[in-house]
């Protein structure tokens, strides 16, 4: 089995949502197991075990250095200090990856200074390969974007500050 094939299998397993997978072939054995910590929402890197007779060792995927929970806490603190000025907050309704545009080479949904009305799409959150459009819950003007493009977000994490006046 080639390293690229092993990597493709690991990527498929990581995106499938399966908790544990065991694959055995002629001279290769792959075992992956996801474990979750109850207080943080950070997926652990899958463990890869190869049989001693295997000619190829599978790569080990390292977790990201900054957790989504830490990012959510930082943006919530920033939103709290600014929202005291009377701004409303558009929050994430789910856990996923935040995107400011519908595609890599397409225009952004909103920028700072743009006016939005109730129901205006302000971003997309990708969760389990599904792209969910997030709409403004109220009318106003975008004052601040609290999350960087293509970063993980938590449930109820502040995304935008809106001046309702």
N, C-alpha and C. Protein backbone atom coordinates (compact mmCIF):
# COMPACT_ATOMS: atom_id res chain seq x y z
N UNK A 1 0.85 -1.18 0.00
CA UNK A 1 0.00 0.00 0.00
C UNK A 1 0.89 1.24 0.00
N UNK A 2 0.56 2.20 -0.83
CA UNK A 2 1.37 3.40 -0.98
C UNK A 2 0.99 4.44 0.07
N UNK A 3 1.92 5.32 0.42
CA UNK A 3 1.62 6.36 1.43
C UNK A 3 0.43 7.23 1.04
N UNK A 4 0.30 7.55 -0.23
CA UNK A 4 -0.83 8.39 -0.69
C UNK A 4 -2.16 7.68 -0.44
N UNK A 5 -2.21 6.38 -0.66
CA UNK A 5 -3.44 5.62 -0.43
C UNK A 5 -3.79 5.62 1.06
N UNK A 6 -2.78 5.48 1.90
CA UNK A 6 -3.01 5.50 3.36
C UNK A 6 -3.52 6.87 3.78
N UNK A 7 -2.91 7.92 3.23
CA UNK A 7 -3.34 9.28 3.56
C UNK A 7 -4.78 9.52 3.12
N UNK A 8 -5.16 9.03 1.95
CA UNK A 8 -6.54 9.19 1.48
C UNK A 8 -7.52 8.46 2.39
N UNK A 9 -7.14 7.28 2.84
CA UNK A 9 -8.00 6.53 3.77
C UNK A 9 -8.16 7.30 5.07
N UNK A 10 -7.06 7.85 5.60
CA UNK A 10 -7.12 8.61 6.85
C UNK A 10 -7.99 9.86 6.71
N UNK A 11 -7.87 10.56 5.57
CA UNK A 11 -8.70 11.74 5.35
C UNK A 11 -10.17 11.36 5.26
N UNK A 12 -10.48 10.26 4.59
CA UNK A 12 -11.88 9.81 4.50
C UNK A 12 -12.43 9.48 5.88
N UNK A 13 -11.63 8.78 6.67
CA UNK A 13 -12.07 8.40 8.02
C UNK A 13 -12.30 9.64 8.87
N UNK A 14 -11.39 10.62 8.77
CA UNK A 14 -11.51 11.85 9.57
C UNK A 14 -12.77 12.62 9.25
N UNK A 15 -13.20 12.61 7.99
CA UNK A 15 -14.39 13.37 7.60
C UNK A 15 -15.67 12.55 7.71
N UNK A 16 -15.56 11.25 7.94
CA UNK A 16 -16.75 10.40 7.95
C UNK A 16 -17.55 10.47 9.25
N UNK A 17 -16.93 10.89 10.33
CA UNK A 17 -17.64 10.95 11.60
C UNK A 17 -17.58 9.64 12.37
N UNK A 18 -16.88 8.65 11.87
CA UNK A 18 -16.76 7.38 12.57
C UNK A 18 -15.86 7.53 13.79
N UNK A 19 -16.18 6.86 14.87
CA UNK A 19 -15.40 6.94 16.10
C UNK A 19 -14.16 6.04 16.04
N UNK A 20 -14.29 4.83 15.48
CA UNK A 20 -13.19 3.90 15.47
C UNK A 20 -13.24 3.08 14.19
N UNK A 21 -12.07 2.85 13.58
CA UNK A 21 -11.98 2.08 12.33
C UNK A 21 -10.78 1.16 12.41
N UNK A 22 -10.97 -0.10 12.01
CA UNK A 22 -9.89 -1.07 11.91
C UNK A 22 -9.86 -1.60 10.49
N UNK A 23 -8.70 -1.51 9.83
CA UNK A 23 -8.54 -2.01 8.48
C UNK A 23 -7.35 -2.96 8.48
N UNK A 24 -7.57 -4.19 7.98
CA UNK A 24 -6.49 -5.15 7.88
C UNK A 24 -6.41 -5.66 6.46
N UNK A 25 -5.20 -5.66 5.91
CA UNK A 25 -4.94 -6.18 4.57
C UNK A 25 -3.80 -7.17 4.69
N UNK A 26 -3.26 -7.59 3.58
CA UNK A 26 -2.21 -8.60 3.58
C UNK A 26 -1.10 -8.31 4.59
N UNK A 27 -0.42 -7.18 4.43
CA UNK A 27 0.70 -6.89 5.32
C UNK A 27 0.57 -5.52 5.99
N UNK A 28 -0.63 -4.96 6.00
CA UNK A 28 -0.86 -3.64 6.59
C UNK A 28 -2.06 -3.71 7.52
N UNK A 29 -1.91 -3.12 8.67
CA UNK A 29 -3.03 -3.02 9.61
C UNK A 29 -3.11 -1.55 10.04
N UNK A 30 -4.30 -0.94 9.85
CA UNK A 30 -4.51 0.45 10.23
C UNK A 30 -5.64 0.48 11.26
N UNK A 31 -5.36 1.12 12.39
CA UNK A 31 -6.37 1.29 13.43
C UNK A 31 -6.42 2.77 13.78
N UNK A 32 -7.62 3.36 13.68
CA UNK A 32 -7.78 4.76 14.09
C UNK A 32 -8.88 4.84 15.11
N UNK A 33 -8.72 5.76 16.03
CA UNK A 33 -9.71 5.94 17.08
C UNK A 33 -9.73 7.41 17.45
N UNK A 34 -10.92 8.02 17.41
CA UNK A 34 -11.05 9.41 17.80
C UNK A 34 -11.45 9.45 19.27
N UNK A 35 -10.85 10.38 20.00
CA UNK A 35 -11.26 10.57 21.39
C UNK A 35 -11.54 12.04 21.59
N UNK A 36 -12.53 12.34 22.37
CA UNK A 36 -12.93 13.73 22.61
C UNK A 36 -12.84 14.04 24.08
N UNK A 37 -12.35 15.24 24.39
CA UNK A 37 -12.31 15.70 25.76
C UNK A 37 -13.64 16.38 26.05
N UNK A 38 -14.26 16.14 27.20
CA UNK A 38 -15.59 16.70 27.46
C UNK A 38 -15.63 18.22 27.58
N UNK A 39 -14.52 18.88 27.92
CA UNK A 39 -14.57 20.32 28.11
C UNK A 39 -14.15 21.11 26.88
N UNK A 40 -13.43 20.52 25.96
CA UNK A 40 -12.97 21.23 24.77
C UNK A 40 -13.51 20.55 23.53
N UNK A 41 -13.72 21.35 22.48
CA UNK A 41 -14.21 20.80 21.23
C UNK A 41 -13.05 20.79 20.24
N UNK A 42 -12.11 19.89 20.47
CA UNK A 42 -10.95 19.76 19.60
C UNK A 42 -10.79 18.28 19.30
N UNK A 43 -10.82 17.90 18.03
CA UNK A 43 -10.69 16.50 17.65
C UNK A 43 -9.23 16.09 17.80
N UNK A 44 -9.02 14.96 18.42
CA UNK A 44 -7.67 14.44 18.58
C UNK A 44 -7.21 13.83 17.27
N UNK A 45 -5.90 13.85 17.05
CA UNK A 45 -5.35 13.24 15.84
C UNK A 45 -5.56 11.74 15.90
N UNK A 46 -5.92 11.11 14.76
CA UNK A 46 -6.11 9.67 14.78
C UNK A 46 -4.79 8.96 15.05
N UNK A 47 -4.86 7.86 15.77
CA UNK A 47 -3.68 7.07 16.04
C UNK A 47 -3.52 6.07 14.90
N UNK A 48 -2.32 5.96 14.39
CA UNK A 48 -2.07 5.05 13.28
C UNK A 48 -1.08 3.99 13.74
N UNK A 49 -1.48 2.74 13.66
CA UNK A 49 -0.61 1.64 14.05
C UNK A 49 -0.35 0.79 12.82
N UNK A 50 0.89 0.50 12.54
CA UNK A 50 1.22 -0.34 11.39
C UNK A 50 1.86 -1.63 11.89
N UNK A 51 1.59 -2.74 11.21
CA UNK A 51 2.18 -4.02 11.56
C UNK A 51 3.68 -3.98 11.30
N UNK A 52 4.48 -4.75 12.03
CA UNK A 52 5.92 -4.70 11.86
C UNK A 52 6.37 -5.07 10.44
N UNK A 53 5.57 -5.86 9.73
CA UNK A 53 5.97 -6.29 8.39
C UNK A 53 5.64 -5.24 7.33
N UNK A 54 4.97 -4.15 7.72
CA UNK A 54 4.58 -3.12 6.74
C UNK A 54 5.81 -2.40 6.22
N UNK A 55 5.81 -2.13 4.92
CA UNK A 55 6.93 -1.44 4.31
C UNK A 55 6.78 0.07 4.40
N UNK A 56 5.54 0.55 4.66
CA UNK A 56 5.26 1.98 4.66
C UNK A 56 4.64 2.35 6.00
N UNK A 57 5.11 3.43 6.59
CA UNK A 57 4.51 3.91 7.83
C UNK A 57 3.59 5.07 7.50
N UNK A 58 2.38 5.05 8.02
CA UNK A 58 1.40 6.09 7.74
C UNK A 58 1.79 7.38 8.46
N UNK A 59 1.49 8.55 7.83
CA UNK A 59 1.78 9.82 8.49
C UNK A 59 0.84 10.05 9.66
N UNK A 60 1.32 10.77 10.65
CA UNK A 60 0.49 11.13 11.80
C UNK A 60 0.10 12.58 11.66
N UNK A 61 -1.20 12.85 11.75
CA UNK A 61 -1.71 14.20 11.58
C UNK A 61 -1.74 14.88 12.94
N UNK A 62 -1.08 16.05 13.05
CA UNK A 62 -1.01 16.77 14.32
C UNK A 62 -2.21 17.70 14.46
N UNK A 63 -2.75 17.87 15.68
CA UNK A 63 -3.86 18.79 15.88
C UNK A 63 -3.41 20.24 15.73
N UNK A 64 -4.36 21.14 15.48
CA UNK A 64 -4.03 22.55 15.32
C UNK A 64 -3.55 23.12 16.65
N UNK A 65 -2.59 24.06 16.62
CA UNK A 65 -2.03 24.56 17.87
C UNK A 65 -2.99 25.40 18.69
N UNK A 66 -3.93 26.12 18.08
CA UNK A 66 -4.88 26.94 18.81
C UNK A 66 -6.25 26.30 18.67
N UNK A 67 -6.88 26.02 19.79
CA UNK A 67 -8.17 25.36 19.74
C UNK A 67 -9.28 26.33 19.37
N UNK A 68 -10.36 25.77 18.85
CA UNK A 68 -11.52 26.58 18.49
C UNK A 68 -12.13 27.21 19.74
N UNK A 69 -12.05 26.51 20.87
CA UNK A 69 -12.61 27.05 22.11
C UNK A 69 -11.87 28.32 22.54
N UNK A 70 -10.53 28.32 22.37
CA UNK A 70 -9.76 29.51 22.73
C UNK A 70 -10.12 30.68 21.81
N UNK A 71 -10.27 30.40 20.52
CA UNK A 71 -10.64 31.44 19.55
C UNK A 71 -12.02 31.99 19.89
N UNK A 72 -12.96 31.12 20.23
CA UNK A 72 -14.31 31.55 20.58
C UNK A 72 -14.29 32.44 21.82
N UNK A 73 -13.47 32.08 22.80
CA UNK A 73 -13.38 32.87 24.02
C UNK A 73 -12.83 34.27 23.73
N UNK A 74 -11.80 34.34 22.87
CA UNK A 74 -11.21 35.63 22.54
C UNK A 74 -12.20 36.52 21.80
N UNK A 75 -12.94 35.97 20.84
CA UNK A 75 -13.89 36.79 20.10
C UNK A 75 -15.07 37.19 20.97
N UNK A 76 -15.47 36.33 21.91
CA UNK A 76 -16.56 36.67 22.82
C UNK A 76 -16.16 37.83 23.73
N UNK A 77 -14.90 37.82 24.19
CA UNK A 77 -14.42 38.92 25.03
C UNK A 77 -14.37 40.22 24.24
N UNK A 78 -13.92 40.15 22.98
CA UNK A 78 -13.87 41.34 22.13
C UNK A 78 -15.27 41.87 21.86
N UNK A 79 -16.21 40.98 21.63
CA UNK A 79 -17.59 41.39 21.35
C UNK A 79 -18.22 42.02 22.58
N UNK A 80 -17.91 41.50 23.76
CA UNK A 80 -18.48 42.02 24.99
C UNK A 80 -18.07 43.47 25.21
N UNK A 81 -16.78 43.77 24.98
CA UNK A 81 -16.33 45.13 25.23
C UNK A 81 -16.92 46.11 24.23
N UNK A 82 -17.07 45.70 22.97
CA UNK A 82 -17.61 46.60 21.95
C UNK A 82 -19.13 46.65 22.01
N UNK A 83 -19.79 45.54 22.36
CA UNK A 83 -21.24 45.51 22.35
C UNK A 83 -21.85 46.38 23.44
N UNK A 84 -21.03 46.78 24.41
CA UNK A 84 -21.52 47.67 25.44
C UNK A 84 -21.88 49.04 24.86
N UNK A 85 -21.41 49.32 23.65
CA UNK A 85 -21.70 50.59 22.98
C UNK A 85 -23.08 50.57 22.32
N UNK A 86 -23.86 49.52 22.53
CA UNK A 86 -25.21 49.44 21.99
C UNK A 86 -25.32 48.67 20.69
N UNK A 87 -24.27 47.95 20.31
CA UNK A 87 -24.30 47.16 19.08
C UNK A 87 -24.96 45.81 19.35
N UNK A 88 -25.58 45.26 18.30
CA UNK A 88 -26.14 43.91 18.39
C UNK A 88 -25.13 42.94 17.80
N UNK A 89 -25.20 41.70 18.24
CA UNK A 89 -24.23 40.69 17.82
C UNK A 89 -24.92 39.60 17.01
N UNK A 90 -24.33 39.28 15.86
CA UNK A 90 -24.76 38.11 15.09
C UNK A 90 -23.86 36.98 15.55
N UNK A 91 -24.47 35.91 16.07
CA UNK A 91 -23.71 34.80 16.64
C UNK A 91 -23.83 33.56 15.77
N UNK A 92 -22.86 32.67 15.92
CA UNK A 92 -22.86 31.42 15.18
C UNK A 92 -23.91 30.47 15.75
N UNK A 93 -24.80 29.93 14.90
CA UNK A 93 -25.80 28.99 15.38
C UNK A 93 -25.28 27.55 15.46
N UNK A 94 -24.00 27.34 15.12
CA UNK A 94 -23.46 25.98 15.08
C UNK A 94 -21.94 25.99 15.16
N UNK A 95 -21.38 24.80 15.32
CA UNK A 95 -19.94 24.61 15.27
C UNK A 95 -19.57 24.33 13.82
N UNK A 96 -18.49 24.93 13.34
CA UNK A 96 -18.06 24.68 11.97
C UNK A 96 -16.93 25.61 11.57
N UNK A 97 -16.77 25.78 10.26
CA UNK A 97 -15.75 26.67 9.72
C UNK A 97 -16.42 27.87 9.09
N UNK A 98 -15.98 29.06 9.47
CA UNK A 98 -16.55 30.34 9.05
C UNK A 98 -15.96 30.77 7.71
N UNK A 99 -16.82 31.13 6.75
CA UNK A 99 -16.37 31.65 5.46
C UNK A 99 -17.12 32.94 5.16
N UNK A 100 -16.39 33.96 4.69
CA UNK A 100 -16.99 35.27 4.39
C UNK A 100 -17.55 35.35 2.99
N UNK A 101 -17.24 34.39 2.10
CA UNK A 101 -17.73 34.43 0.73
C UNK A 101 -18.24 33.05 0.33
N UNK A 102 -19.07 32.98 -0.74
CA UNK A 102 -19.59 31.69 -1.16
C UNK A 102 -18.55 30.81 -1.85
N UNK A 103 -17.42 31.37 -2.24
CA UNK A 103 -16.38 30.59 -2.90
C UNK A 103 -15.06 31.32 -2.86
N UNK A 104 -13.96 30.65 -3.21
CA UNK A 104 -12.63 31.26 -3.11
C UNK A 104 -12.45 32.52 -3.95
N UNK A 105 -13.01 32.58 -5.14
CA UNK A 105 -12.81 33.72 -6.02
C UNK A 105 -14.06 34.58 -6.15
N UNK A 106 -14.95 34.51 -5.17
CA UNK A 106 -16.21 35.26 -5.23
C UNK A 106 -16.20 36.40 -4.23
N UNK A 107 -17.12 37.36 -4.45
CA UNK A 107 -17.21 38.53 -3.57
C UNK A 107 -17.63 38.14 -2.16
N UNK A 108 -17.19 38.94 -1.19
CA UNK A 108 -17.57 38.72 0.21
C UNK A 108 -19.05 39.02 0.39
N UNK A 109 -19.70 38.32 1.32
CA UNK A 109 -21.11 38.59 1.60
C UNK A 109 -21.29 40.01 2.12
N UNK A 110 -20.51 40.38 3.16
CA UNK A 110 -20.59 41.72 3.74
C UNK A 110 -19.21 42.20 4.15
N UNK A 111 -19.06 43.51 4.21
CA UNK A 111 -17.84 44.16 4.68
C UNK A 111 -18.22 45.13 5.79
N UNK A 112 -17.23 45.61 6.52
CA UNK A 112 -17.48 46.63 7.54
C UNK A 112 -18.04 47.86 6.82
N UNK A 113 -19.13 48.41 7.37
CA UNK A 113 -19.77 49.58 6.78
C UNK A 113 -20.97 49.25 5.91
N UNK A 114 -21.14 47.98 5.54
CA UNK A 114 -22.29 47.57 4.72
C UNK A 114 -23.56 47.58 5.57
N UNK A 115 -24.66 47.96 4.93
CA UNK A 115 -25.97 47.89 5.59
C UNK A 115 -26.58 46.53 5.30
N UNK A 116 -27.18 45.94 6.33
CA UNK A 116 -27.85 44.66 6.18
C UNK A 116 -29.28 44.79 6.67
N UNK A 117 -30.14 43.99 6.10
CA UNK A 117 -31.52 43.94 6.58
C UNK A 117 -31.77 42.54 7.14
N UNK A 118 -32.89 42.36 7.79
CA UNK A 118 -33.22 41.06 8.36
C UNK A 118 -33.31 40.06 7.21
N UNK A 119 -32.59 38.94 7.34
CA UNK A 119 -32.60 37.91 6.31
C UNK A 119 -31.46 38.01 5.32
N UNK A 120 -30.61 39.04 5.41
CA UNK A 120 -29.45 39.17 4.52
C UNK A 120 -28.40 38.14 4.90
N UNK A 121 -27.89 37.40 3.92
CA UNK A 121 -26.83 36.42 4.19
C UNK A 121 -25.53 37.17 4.48
N UNK A 122 -24.92 36.85 5.64
CA UNK A 122 -23.70 37.54 6.06
C UNK A 122 -22.46 36.66 5.97
N UNK A 123 -22.64 35.32 5.98
CA UNK A 123 -21.51 34.41 5.91
C UNK A 123 -22.02 32.99 5.67
N UNK A 124 -21.08 32.06 5.57
CA UNK A 124 -21.40 30.63 5.47
C UNK A 124 -20.62 29.93 6.57
N UNK A 125 -21.25 28.92 7.19
CA UNK A 125 -20.54 28.07 8.13
C UNK A 125 -20.62 26.65 7.60
N UNK A 126 -19.44 26.06 7.39
CA UNK A 126 -19.37 24.68 6.90
C UNK A 126 -19.34 23.75 8.10
N UNK A 127 -20.26 22.80 8.10
CA UNK A 127 -20.30 21.79 9.16
C UNK A 127 -20.56 20.45 8.49
N UNK A 128 -19.63 19.54 8.63
CA UNK A 128 -19.74 18.19 8.06
C UNK A 128 -19.98 18.24 6.55
N UNK A 129 -19.22 19.05 5.86
CA UNK A 129 -19.26 19.19 4.40
C UNK A 129 -20.57 19.79 3.90
N UNK A 130 -21.36 20.38 4.79
CA UNK A 130 -22.56 21.10 4.39
C UNK A 130 -22.33 22.59 4.63
N UNK A 131 -22.68 23.41 3.64
CA UNK A 131 -22.46 24.84 3.74
C UNK A 131 -23.78 25.51 4.12
N UNK A 132 -23.82 26.11 5.31
CA UNK A 132 -25.03 26.71 5.86
C UNK A 132 -24.93 28.22 5.80
N UNK A 133 -25.87 28.84 5.08
CA UNK A 133 -25.88 30.30 5.00
C UNK A 133 -26.40 30.87 6.31
N UNK A 134 -25.69 31.85 6.85
CA UNK A 134 -26.08 32.50 8.10
C UNK A 134 -26.65 33.87 7.73
N UNK A 135 -27.86 34.13 8.19
CA UNK A 135 -28.54 35.38 7.86
C UNK A 135 -28.60 36.30 9.07
N UNK A 136 -28.65 37.60 8.79
CA UNK A 136 -28.77 38.59 9.85
C UNK A 136 -30.16 38.48 10.47
N UNK A 137 -30.22 38.60 11.77
CA UNK A 137 -31.50 38.52 12.49
C UNK A 137 -32.16 39.88 12.63
N UNK A 138 -31.44 40.94 12.23
CA UNK A 138 -31.96 42.30 12.38
C UNK A 138 -31.29 43.21 11.36
N UNK A 139 -31.88 44.39 11.18
CA UNK A 139 -31.34 45.37 10.23
C UNK A 139 -30.31 46.25 10.93
N UNK A 140 -29.36 46.76 10.16
CA UNK A 140 -28.36 47.67 10.71
C UNK A 140 -27.16 47.77 9.80
N UNK A 141 -26.06 48.23 10.38
CA UNK A 141 -24.82 48.46 9.64
C UNK A 141 -23.71 47.63 10.29
N UNK A 142 -22.95 46.88 9.49
CA UNK A 142 -21.85 46.06 10.02
C UNK A 142 -20.76 46.99 10.56
N UNK A 143 -20.45 46.83 11.87
CA UNK A 143 -19.46 47.67 12.52
C UNK A 143 -18.12 46.94 12.61
N UNK A 144 -18.17 45.63 12.90
CA UNK A 144 -16.94 44.87 13.08
C UNK A 144 -17.18 43.41 12.73
N UNK A 145 -16.19 42.80 12.07
CA UNK A 145 -16.20 41.36 11.79
C UNK A 145 -15.23 40.74 12.78
N UNK A 146 -15.74 39.85 13.64
CA UNK A 146 -14.98 39.34 14.77
C UNK A 146 -14.20 38.06 14.49
N UNK A 147 -14.40 37.46 13.31
CA UNK A 147 -13.78 36.17 13.00
C UNK A 147 -13.05 36.27 11.67
N UNK A 148 -11.88 35.67 11.58
CA UNK A 148 -11.13 35.63 10.34
C UNK A 148 -11.72 34.57 9.41
N UNK A 149 -11.57 34.79 8.12
CA UNK A 149 -12.08 33.85 7.12
C UNK A 149 -11.40 32.49 7.25
N UNK A 150 -12.17 31.44 7.05
CA UNK A 150 -11.70 30.04 7.05
C UNK A 150 -11.15 29.60 8.41
N UNK A 151 -11.74 30.11 9.50
CA UNK A 151 -11.33 29.68 10.83
C UNK A 151 -12.48 28.95 11.52
N UNK A 152 -12.18 28.07 12.47
CA UNK A 152 -13.24 27.35 13.17
C UNK A 152 -14.00 28.27 14.12
N UNK A 153 -15.30 28.02 14.23
CA UNK A 153 -16.14 28.78 15.17
C UNK A 153 -16.92 27.81 16.05
N UNK A 154 -17.31 28.28 17.20
CA UNK A 154 -18.08 27.51 18.17
C UNK A 154 -19.55 27.93 18.13
N UNK A 155 -20.39 27.12 18.73
CA UNK A 155 -21.80 27.47 18.87
C UNK A 155 -21.90 28.73 19.73
N UNK A 156 -22.72 29.68 19.30
CA UNK A 156 -23.01 30.92 20.02
C UNK A 156 -21.82 31.88 20.07
N UNK A 157 -20.80 31.66 19.23
CA UNK A 157 -19.65 32.56 19.17
C UNK A 157 -20.04 33.81 18.39
N UNK A 158 -19.72 35.00 18.88
CA UNK A 158 -20.01 36.24 18.15
C UNK A 158 -19.23 36.29 16.83
N UNK A 159 -19.94 36.63 15.74
CA UNK A 159 -19.32 36.71 14.42
C UNK A 159 -19.22 38.15 13.92
N UNK A 160 -20.31 38.92 14.10
CA UNK A 160 -20.38 40.29 13.59
C UNK A 160 -20.99 41.18 14.66
N UNK A 161 -20.57 42.46 14.66
CA UNK A 161 -21.23 43.47 15.46
C UNK A 161 -21.99 44.38 14.50
N UNK A 162 -23.25 44.67 14.83
CA UNK A 162 -24.12 45.45 13.96
C UNK A 162 -24.66 46.63 14.73
N UNK A 163 -24.59 47.81 14.14
CA UNK A 163 -25.18 49.01 14.72
C UNK A 163 -26.63 49.08 14.23
N UNK A 164 -27.61 48.89 15.12
CA UNK A 164 -29.00 48.83 14.68
C UNK A 164 -29.60 50.20 14.32
N UNK A 165 -28.90 51.29 14.63
CA UNK A 165 -29.49 52.62 14.37
C UNK A 165 -29.32 53.05 12.93
